[in-house]
Amino acid sequence: MRSRLVQKIHTTLETYFPEKRLFLRSDTDTRFIRLKSETQLVIWAGLTMTLAWTIIATAILLMDSIGAGNFRAQAQRDQIIYEDRLNRLSSERDVRATEAAAAQERFTTALEQISAMQSELLRSEDRRREMETGIEVIQATLRRTMQDRQALQARIDALTTSLDGTASGTTVASASGEMLGTVDFLSDALAQTAAERDRIEADARAAIDRAAELELEMRLMEDRNDEIFRQLEEAMLVSVEPLDNMFRAAGMDPERLLRTVREGYSGTGGPLAPLQFSTRGEAPSADALRANQILGAMDRINVYRIAAEQLPFAMPVFSNFRYTSGFGQRWGRLHAGSDFAGPVGTPVYATADGVVVDAGWSSGYGRLIKIRHANGVETRYAHLSRIRVNKGDRVSRGDRIGDMGNSGRSTGPHLHYEIRVDGRPVNPMTFIRAGRDVF
């Protein structure tokens, strides 16, 4: 049974691969090599597999090359879009800062005007009270004068009546002349008093009208101040919330971060000091409270700006790169950073302000740079071809610190970028994505 099956297979192979002989002739001899059907089948299978493997490998290389080109092009487009967005946001931030400075200047001017108006109003009020008091004194004097005049007139009438029957004509005329002189003097004094009263009343009415005008101006100024306050509060809200979200997205507590930064910048005074409107221990006004809240928000933005410069929210590579490997488990071990592949010599930049604590060769990292930042944050830049900084150097965000390379345990030119917080590795893309949402 088995021999018949073998014979049948051999016959089938003879049909497709008939036995062939390869003759090798020399000057003295002739030899041949017999190629059996099975041998031909093995050779054909081997050639077929080799050809298939070559085609598949070529296709894989072509697809990888095409995919890499597309990814590189997409990365370049994303980089251009990111840079455009960064430029727009920077312009908007500058405009906001200019508007905030102008608004603060207008607010300061408005406060000065309000203070001057309040002083003028107080002086007008004091003057009005003084006039009211003077009017009351004049009216009391006038009433007493009128009463004295009536009393004198009664005495004159009585004296005139008593002298009509007993005194001579000359004596009566002399007494009457003296009485009339006294009456004329009192009449002139009363007229002058009445004129002074009218003048004081006119001044009082003018002061009251001026006080009403000042009160109207103050109400208009309060409305303008309210509008300025509202615009400033909206600007502060739009500016502070994205910064809060950025630091939270990076896994950091904003309040703790602000306290840490303020401890490092503990100076007092300056344009952001709280406003004081009273030196007599009075409670601050509503405008003073709103102004201090706005100044507090501006101080928060300023502290956030300092913190953002000290934390790695920027990209370590700006162009000619491809994102190849992320943070996480790889081949059973933790890959503690992100890889950015690109040509040898691609510039590598510091992602935040800090101090270089290591710059040299480090085993599997190859040429390695370590930068210590604020709040226990450290960044690492590995597999470099060239190091452009020295240990102890102080660098700023955007400074070129090295060139991309293939040193150490590496499979190709790339940058291995790490972020460590209090010695613990974290995903660098968390910081990069958080920074992209704001900057």
Protein backbone atom coordinates (compact mmCIF):
# COMPACT_ATOMS: atom_id res chain seq x y z
CA MET A 1 0.00 0.00 0.00
CA ARG A 2 2.75 2.38 1.02
CA SER A 3 4.92 1.46 -1.98
CA ARG A 4 2.01 2.09 -4.34
CA LEU A 5 1.42 5.54 -2.77
CA VAL A 6 5.10 6.39 -3.13
CA GLN A 7 5.03 5.15 -6.71
CA LYS A 8 1.95 7.26 -7.46
CA ILE A 9 3.58 10.39 -5.97
CA HIS A 10 6.75 9.70 -7.96
CA THR A 11 4.71 9.32 -11.15
CA THR A 12 2.92 12.63 -10.48
CA LEU A 13 6.22 14.38 -9.86
CA GLU A 14 7.60 12.87 -13.09
CA THR A 15 4.74 14.52 -14.92
CA TYR A 16 5.68 18.06 -13.70
CA PHE A 17 9.36 17.54 -12.94
CA PRO A 18 10.74 14.90 -15.35
CA GLU A 19 14.16 13.58 -14.48
CA LYS A 20 16.97 15.58 -16.03
CA ARG A 21 20.68 15.07 -16.48
CA LEU A 22 23.28 17.80 -16.41
CA PHE A 23 26.40 16.83 -18.44
CA LEU A 24 29.81 18.17 -17.46
CA ARG A 25 32.41 17.59 -20.18
CA SER A 26 36.15 18.07 -19.83
CA ASP A 27 39.04 17.37 -22.19
CA THR A 28 39.49 13.82 -20.97
CA ASP A 29 36.19 12.85 -19.46
CA THR A 30 32.47 13.41 -19.50
CA ARG A 31 30.31 13.27 -16.39
CA PHE A 32 26.67 13.99 -15.64
CA ILE A 33 24.56 14.94 -12.66
CA ARG A 34 21.12 13.40 -12.45
CA LEU A 35 18.37 15.61 -11.10
CA LYS A 36 15.56 13.52 -9.75
CA SER A 37 11.99 14.76 -9.57
CA GLU A 38 12.20 15.11 -5.79
CA THR A 39 15.40 17.12 -6.04
CA GLN A 40 13.82 19.43 -8.59
CA LEU A 41 10.78 19.83 -6.33
CA VAL A 42 13.00 20.82 -3.39
CA ILE A 43 14.94 23.31 -5.53
CA TRP A 44 11.70 24.77 -6.94
CA ALA A 45 10.17 25.08 -3.47
CA GLY A 46 13.30 26.75 -2.15
CA LEU A 47 13.43 29.23 -4.99
CA THR A 48 9.71 29.93 -4.62
CA MET A 49 10.02 30.57 -0.88
CA THR A 50 13.08 32.79 -1.44
CA LEU A 51 11.23 34.79 -4.08
CA ALA A 52 8.13 35.09 -1.89
CA TRP A 53 10.20 36.21 1.10
CA THR A 54 11.99 38.80 -1.07
CA ILE A 55 8.67 40.18 -2.34
CA ILE A 56 7.13 40.32 1.15
CA ALA A 57 10.22 41.93 2.68
CA THR A 58 10.37 44.49 -0.12
CA ALA A 59 6.67 45.29 0.34
CA ILE A 60 7.12 45.68 4.09
CA LEU A 61 10.07 48.02 3.60
CA LEU A 62 8.15 50.06 1.03
CA MET A 63 5.08 50.30 3.27
CA ASP A 64 7.23 51.27 6.26
CA SER A 65 9.03 53.88 4.18
CA ILE A 66 5.74 55.27 2.87
CA GLY A 67 4.22 55.22 6.37
CA ALA A 68 7.29 56.89 7.85
CA GLY A 69 7.17 59.56 5.15
CA ASN A 70 3.48 60.19 5.78
CA PHE A 71 4.01 60.31 9.52
CA ARG A 72 6.95 62.68 9.12
CA ALA A 73 4.90 64.90 6.83
CA GLN A 74 2.00 64.80 9.28
CA ALA A 75 4.37 65.59 12.14
CA GLN A 76 5.77 68.54 10.17
CA ARG A 77 2.24 69.79 9.43
CA ASP A 78 1.31 69.40 13.10
CA GLN A 79 4.49 71.25 14.03
CA ILE A 80 3.65 74.12 11.66
CA ILE A 81 0.09 74.26 13.02
CA TYR A 82 1.41 74.16 16.58
CA GLU A 83 3.90 76.95 15.87
CA ASP A 84 1.18 79.06 14.22
CA ARG A 85 -1.10 78.49 17.19
CA LEU A 86 1.74 79.31 19.55
CA ASN A 87 2.41 82.56 17.69
CA ARG A 88 -1.29 83.46 17.74
CA LEU A 89 -1.58 82.69 21.43
CA SER A 90 1.57 84.68 22.15
CA SER A 91 0.13 87.64 20.23
CA GLU A 92 -3.19 87.31 22.05
CA ARG A 93 -1.37 87.05 25.37
CA ASP A 94 0.61 90.22 24.57
CA VAL A 95 -2.60 91.99 23.58
CA ARG A 96 -4.27 90.83 26.80
CA ALA A 97 -1.28 92.01 28.81
CA THR A 98 -1.37 95.38 27.05
CA GLU A 99 -5.11 95.66 27.65
CA ALA A 100 -4.65 94.70 31.30
CA ALA A 101 -1.90 97.32 31.71
CA ALA A 102 -4.05 99.96 30.00
CA ALA A 103 -7.05 98.95 32.11
CA GLN A 104 -4.96 99.15 35.25
CA GLU A 105 -3.76 102.60 34.21
CA ARG A 106 -7.35 103.70 33.53
CA PHE A 107 -8.39 102.21 36.85
CA THR A 108 -5.63 104.14 38.65
CA THR A 109 -6.65 107.35 36.89
CA ALA A 110 -10.30 106.72 37.74
CA LEU A 111 -9.40 106.14 41.39
CA GLU A 112 -7.48 109.41 41.46
CA GLN A 113 -10.46 111.23 39.91
CA ILE A 114 -12.84 109.61 42.38
CA SER A 115 -10.57 110.59 45.26
CA ALA A 116 -10.42 114.20 44.00
CA MET A 117 -14.21 114.29 43.55
CA GLN A 118 -14.75 112.85 47.00
CA SER A 119 -12.48 115.52 48.47
CA GLU A 120 -14.31 118.24 46.51
CA LEU A 121 -17.67 116.85 47.59
CA LEU A 122 -16.58 116.80 51.23
CA ARG A 123 -15.36 120.39 50.97
CA SER A 124 -18.65 121.41 49.32
CA GLU A 125 -20.60 119.63 52.03
CA ASP A 126 -18.59 121.37 54.77
CA ARG A 127 -19.08 124.70 53.05
CA ARG A 128 -22.82 124.06 52.71
CA ARG A 129 -23.09 123.22 56.40
CA GLU A 130 -21.14 126.35 57.29
CA MET A 131 -23.50 128.40 55.11
CA GLU A 132 -26.56 126.80 56.69
CA THR A 133 -25.15 127.58 60.11
CA GLY A 134 -24.41 131.19 59.03
CA ILE A 135 -27.89 131.56 57.59
CA GLU A 136 -29.42 130.34 60.86
CA VAL A 137 -27.26 132.83 62.83
CA ILE A 138 -28.21 135.66 60.46
CA GLN A 139 -31.89 134.75 60.67
CA ALA A 140 -31.71 134.72 64.48
CA THR A 141 -29.91 138.08 64.42
CA LEU A 142 -32.47 139.43 61.99
CA ARG A 143 -35.33 138.30 64.21
CA ARG A 144 -33.73 139.96 67.25
CA THR A 145 -33.11 143.11 65.23
CA MET A 146 -36.74 143.22 64.09
CA GLN A 147 -37.90 142.75 67.65
CA ASP A 148 -35.58 145.54 68.81
CA ARG A 149 -36.84 147.76 65.99
CA GLN A 150 -40.44 147.14 67.00
CA ALA A 151 -39.60 147.84 70.64
CA LEU A 152 -37.79 151.06 69.68
CA GLN A 153 -40.68 152.11 67.45
CA ALA A 154 -43.08 151.54 70.36
CA ARG A 155 -40.86 153.63 72.66
CA ILE A 156 -40.66 156.39 70.00
CA ASP A 157 -44.42 156.44 69.68
CA ALA A 158 -44.81 156.62 73.48
CA LEU A 159 -42.25 159.41 73.83
CA THR A 160 -43.81 161.37 70.98
CA THR A 161 -47.23 161.14 72.62
CA SER A 162 -45.93 162.21 76.05
CA LEU A 163 -43.98 165.14 74.67
CA ASP A 164 -46.86 166.58 72.64
CA GLY A 165 -48.49 168.23 75.69
CA THR A 166 -45.56 169.09 77.98
CA ALA A 167 -42.45 170.07 75.99
CA SER A 168 -41.79 173.12 73.88
CA GLY A 169 -41.63 172.88 70.11
CA THR A 170 -37.82 173.08 69.99
CA THR A 171 -37.35 170.34 72.55
CA VAL A 172 -39.84 168.11 70.78
CA ALA A 173 -38.21 168.69 67.43
CA SER A 174 -34.74 167.92 68.86
CA ALA A 175 -35.92 164.68 70.50
CA SER A 176 -37.78 163.67 67.36
CA GLY A 177 -34.67 164.30 65.25
CA GLU A 178 -32.56 162.06 67.50
CA MET A 179 -35.21 159.32 67.40
CA LEU A 180 -35.42 159.49 63.61
CA GLY A 181 -31.61 159.26 63.31
CA THR A 182 -31.60 156.13 65.44
CA VAL A 183 -34.37 154.60 63.37
CA ASP A 184 -32.53 155.37 60.10
CA PHE A 185 -29.35 153.74 61.44
CA LEU A 186 -31.28 150.63 62.46
CA SER A 187 -33.02 150.53 59.06
CA ASP A 188 -29.67 150.66 57.23
CA ALA A 189 -28.29 147.88 59.47
CA LEU A 190 -31.37 145.76 58.77
CA ALA A 191 -31.06 146.36 55.01
CA GLN A 192 -27.40 145.34 55.04
CA THR A 193 -28.27 142.26 57.11
CA ALA A 194 -31.01 141.32 54.65
CA ALA A 195 -28.62 141.76 51.68
CA GLU A 196 -25.99 139.60 53.40
CA ARG A 197 -28.65 136.97 54.11
CA ASP A 198 -29.72 136.95 50.45
CA ARG A 199 -26.09 136.60 49.32
CA ILE A 200 -25.46 133.74 51.74
CA GLU A 201 -28.68 132.01 50.61
CA ALA A 202 -27.57 132.36 46.97
CA ASP A 203 -24.15 130.91 47.82
CA ALA A 204 -25.83 128.05 49.69
CA ARG A 205 -28.08 127.26 46.70
CA ALA A 206 -25.05 127.34 44.36
CA ALA A 207 -23.16 125.00 46.72
CA ILE A 208 -26.16 122.64 46.83
CA ASP A 209 -26.38 122.67 43.01
CA ARG A 210 -22.64 122.00 42.74
CA ALA A 211 -22.96 119.12 45.23
CA ALA A 212 -25.76 117.64 43.08
CA GLU A 213 -23.58 117.94 39.97
CA LEU A 214 -20.68 116.26 41.79
CA GLU A 215 -23.00 113.50 42.96
CA LEU A 216 -24.15 112.90 39.36
CA GLU A 217 -20.55 112.85 38.16
CA MET A 218 -19.71 110.38 40.90
CA ARG A 219 -22.56 108.09 39.83
CA LEU A 220 -21.37 108.26 36.21
CA MET A 221 -17.81 107.56 37.34
CA GLU A 222 -19.04 104.61 39.41
CA ASP A 223 -20.80 103.22 36.32
CA ARG A 224 -17.61 103.58 34.27
CA ASN A 225 -15.59 101.99 37.05
CA ASP A 226 -18.06 99.11 37.23
CA GLU A 227 -17.64 98.53 33.49
CA ILE A 228 -13.84 98.62 33.84
CA PHE A 229 -14.02 96.23 36.79
CA ARG A 230 -16.27 93.87 34.81
CA GLN A 231 -13.92 93.81 31.82
CA LEU A 232 -10.91 93.25 34.06
CA GLU A 233 -12.68 90.45 35.96
CA GLU A 234 -13.63 88.73 32.68
CA ALA A 235 -10.05 89.06 31.40
CA MET A 236 -8.67 87.62 34.63
CA LEU A 237 -11.16 84.72 34.51
CA VAL A 238 -10.24 83.89 30.90
CA SER A 239 -6.52 84.07 31.75
CA VAL A 240 -6.43 82.22 35.09
CA GLU A 241 -8.68 79.21 34.39
CA PRO A 242 -6.57 77.75 31.51
CA LEU A 243 -3.46 78.05 33.67
CA ASP A 244 -5.20 76.25 36.56
CA ASN A 245 -6.27 73.49 34.18
CA MET A 246 -2.77 73.25 32.67
CA PHE A 247 -1.10 72.55 36.01
CA ARG A 248 -3.87 70.16 37.08
CA ALA A 249 -3.51 68.29 33.77
CA ALA A 250 0.20 67.92 34.53
CA GLY A 251 -0.71 66.25 37.84
CA MET A 252 0.33 69.18 40.04
CA ASP A 253 -1.60 71.00 42.78
CA PRO A 254 -1.91 74.67 41.69
CA GLU A 255 -2.25 76.02 45.24
CA ARG A 256 0.81 74.15 46.47
CA LEU A 257 2.72 75.27 43.39
CA LEU A 258 1.77 78.91 43.99
CA ARG A 259 2.84 78.71 47.63
CA THR A 260 6.20 77.24 46.62
CA VAL A 261 6.84 79.91 43.99
CA ARG A 262 5.82 82.73 46.36
CA GLU A 263 8.20 81.38 49.00
CA GLY A 264 11.00 81.66 46.44
CA TYR A 265 9.89 85.18 45.45
CA SER A 266 8.99 86.61 48.86
CA GLY A 267 9.60 90.31 48.08
CA THR A 268 6.82 92.77 48.88
CA GLY A 269 5.58 96.01 47.36
CA GLY A 270 5.40 96.90 43.70
CA PRO A 271 2.42 97.54 41.44
CA LEU A 272 0.49 94.48 42.63
CA ALA A 273 0.38 95.48 46.32
CA PRO A 274 -3.19 95.55 47.76
CA LEU A 275 -4.98 98.88 47.58
CA GLN A 276 -5.61 100.86 50.79
CA PHE A 277 -8.39 103.48 50.73
CA SER A 278 -8.65 104.43 54.39
CA THR A 279 -6.23 105.11 57.22
CA ARG A 280 -8.91 105.39 59.90
CA GLY A 281 -9.66 101.69 60.29
CA GLU A 282 -12.83 101.79 58.19
CA ALA A 283 -14.02 98.73 56.29
CA PRO A 284 -12.89 98.70 52.62
CA SER A 285 -15.46 99.67 50.03
CA ALA A 286 -16.91 97.33 47.41
CA ASP A 287 -14.67 98.90 44.74
CA ALA A 288 -11.62 98.36 46.93
CA LEU A 289 -12.52 94.71 47.42
CA ARG A 290 -13.05 94.21 43.66
CA ALA A 291 -9.79 95.97 42.88
CA ASN A 292 -7.91 93.79 45.36
CA GLN A 293 -9.49 90.66 43.84
CA ILE A 294 -8.31 91.75 40.37
CA LEU A 295 -4.84 92.51 41.70
CA GLY A 296 -4.85 89.07 43.35
CA ALA A 297 -5.72 87.43 40.01
CA MET A 298 -2.97 89.42 38.28
CA ASP A 299 -0.53 88.31 40.95
CA ARG A 300 -1.70 84.70 40.44
CA ILE A 301 -1.05 85.01 36.68
CA ASN A 302 2.39 86.47 37.37
CA VAL A 303 3.26 83.60 39.72
CA TYR A 304 1.90 81.10 37.17
CA ARG A 305 4.18 82.68 34.55
CA ILE A 306 7.19 82.14 36.81
CA ALA A 307 6.12 78.54 37.54
CA ALA A 308 5.48 77.79 33.84
CA GLU A 309 9.00 78.93 32.97
CA GLN A 310 10.39 76.60 35.64
CA LEU A 311 8.39 73.50 34.57
CA PRO A 312 8.91 71.44 31.36
CA PHE A 313 5.80 72.29 29.32
CA ALA A 314 7.73 72.83 26.06
CA MET A 315 8.85 70.34 23.37
CA PRO A 316 12.50 69.18 23.48
CA VAL A 317 12.61 68.90 19.64
CA PHE A 318 11.02 71.43 17.27
CA SER A 319 11.45 69.95 13.76
CA ASN A 320 12.60 66.96 11.70
CA PHE A 321 11.47 64.30 14.15
CA ARG A 322 9.09 61.37 14.41
CA TYR A 323 7.42 60.23 17.62
CA THR A 324 8.40 56.54 17.86
CA SER A 325 7.82 55.27 21.39
CA GLY A 326 5.84 56.45 24.38
CA PHE A 327 5.90 56.13 28.14
CA GLY A 328 4.89 52.75 29.60
CA GLN A 329 5.69 49.04 29.66
CA ARG A 330 7.83 47.76 26.80
CA TRP A 331 9.22 44.25 26.51
CA GLY A 332 8.30 43.60 30.13
CA ARG A 333 10.11 46.67 31.46
CA LEU A 334 9.14 50.28 32.11
CA HIS A 335 10.09 52.65 29.31
CA ALA A 336 10.44 55.73 31.50
CA GLY A 337 10.23 58.39 28.78
CA SER A 338 9.23 59.29 25.23
CA ASP A 339 11.34 58.79 22.09
CA PHE A 340 11.65 61.32 19.25
CA ALA A 341 13.46 59.93 16.19
CA GLY A 342 15.24 62.16 13.69
CA PRO A 343 18.51 62.73 11.84
CA VAL A 344 21.77 62.81 13.76
CA GLY A 345 22.52 66.38 14.78
CA THR A 346 18.90 67.50 15.17
CA PRO A 347 18.90 70.30 17.80
CA VAL A 348 17.69 69.39 21.29
CA TYR A 349 16.37 72.20 23.52
CA ALA A 350 15.80 72.67 27.25
CA THR A 351 12.09 72.47 28.05
CA ALA A 352 12.24 74.76 31.12
CA ASP A 353 14.56 76.93 33.20
CA GLY A 354 16.90 74.96 35.40
CA VAL A 355 20.45 73.92 36.37
CA VAL A 356 22.47 71.19 34.62
CA VAL A 357 23.29 68.56 37.25
CA ASP A 358 24.89 65.99 34.92
CA ALA A 359 26.33 66.18 31.40
CA GLY A 360 28.32 63.17 30.20
CA TRP A 361 28.30 59.45 29.43
CA SER A 362 25.90 57.27 31.41
CA SER A 363 25.87 53.54 30.51
CA GLY A 364 22.79 52.63 28.45
CA TYR A 365 21.72 56.30 28.18
CA GLY A 366 24.84 57.14 26.20
CA ARG A 367 25.53 60.85 26.22
CA LEU A 368 23.09 62.16 28.84
CA ILE A 369 22.06 65.58 30.15
CA LYS A 370 20.14 65.98 33.42
CA ILE A 371 18.53 69.33 34.30
CA ARG A 372 17.06 70.06 37.72
CA HIS A 373 14.03 72.39 37.74
CA ALA A 374 11.89 73.85 40.50
CA ASN A 375 9.39 71.85 42.61
CA GLY A 376 11.43 68.63 42.51
CA VAL A 377 11.19 68.22 38.71
CA GLU A 378 14.08 66.81 36.65
CA THR A 379 14.38 66.29 32.87
CA ARG A 380 16.71 63.87 31.08
CA TYR A 381 17.94 63.97 27.47
CA ALA A 382 19.65 60.71 26.38
CA HIS A 383 21.43 59.08 23.35
CA LEU A 384 22.88 62.44 22.24
CA SER A 385 25.64 62.79 19.65
CA ARG A 386 26.91 66.01 21.19
CA ILE A 387 26.52 67.79 24.54
CA ARG A 388 26.59 71.60 24.40
CA VAL A 389 26.36 72.41 28.14
CA ASN A 390 28.45 71.66 31.21
CA LYS A 391 27.55 70.53 34.69
CA GLY A 392 26.50 73.51 36.81
CA ASP A 393 25.32 75.64 33.88
CA ARG A 394 22.05 77.49 34.28
CA VAL A 395 19.81 77.17 31.21
CA SER A 396 16.55 78.76 30.11
CA ARG A 397 13.61 77.34 28.21
CA GLY A 398 14.46 77.12 24.51
CA ASP A 399 18.26 77.03 24.97
CA ARG A 400 19.99 74.49 22.70
CA ILE A 401 21.70 71.98 24.99
CA GLY A 402 22.72 69.16 22.63
CA ASP A 403 22.29 67.28 19.36
CA MET A 404 20.26 64.14 18.67
CA GLY A 405 22.34 60.97 18.23
CA ASN A 406 22.60 57.19 18.59
CA SER A 407 24.90 56.75 21.59
CA GLY A 408 24.41 54.16 24.31
CA ARG A 409 21.89 51.30 24.04
CA SER A 410 19.95 52.53 21.02
CA THR A 411 18.54 51.03 17.81
CA GLY A 412 18.73 54.24 15.76
CA PRO A 413 19.17 58.02 15.97
CA HIS A 414 16.62 59.41 18.43
CA LEU A 415 16.16 61.43 21.62
CA HIS A 416 15.02 59.63 24.77
CA TYR A 417 13.28 62.32 26.87
CA GLU A 418 12.29 61.77 30.52
CA ILE A 419 10.54 63.84 33.19
CA ARG A 420 10.89 62.84 36.83
CA VAL A 421 8.97 64.39 39.73
CA ASP A 422 10.59 63.80 43.13
CA GLY A 423 12.64 61.03 41.49
CA ARG A 424 9.59 59.24 40.07
CA PRO A 425 9.27 59.01 36.26
CA VAL A 426 6.07 60.46 34.78
CA ASN A 427 4.72 60.57 31.24
CA PRO A 428 6.38 63.54 29.45
CA MET A 429 3.42 63.88 27.08
CA THR A 430 1.25 64.86 30.05
CA PHE A 431 3.29 68.04 30.45
CA ILE A 432 3.62 68.63 26.69
CA ARG A 433 -0.13 68.25 26.05
CA ALA A 434 -0.94 70.50 29.03
CA GLY A 435 1.39 73.17 27.68
CA ARG A 436 -0.07 72.94 24.16
CA ASP A 437 -3.52 73.81 25.53
CA VAL A 438 -2.25 77.17 26.80
CA PHE A 439 0.98 78.23 25.04
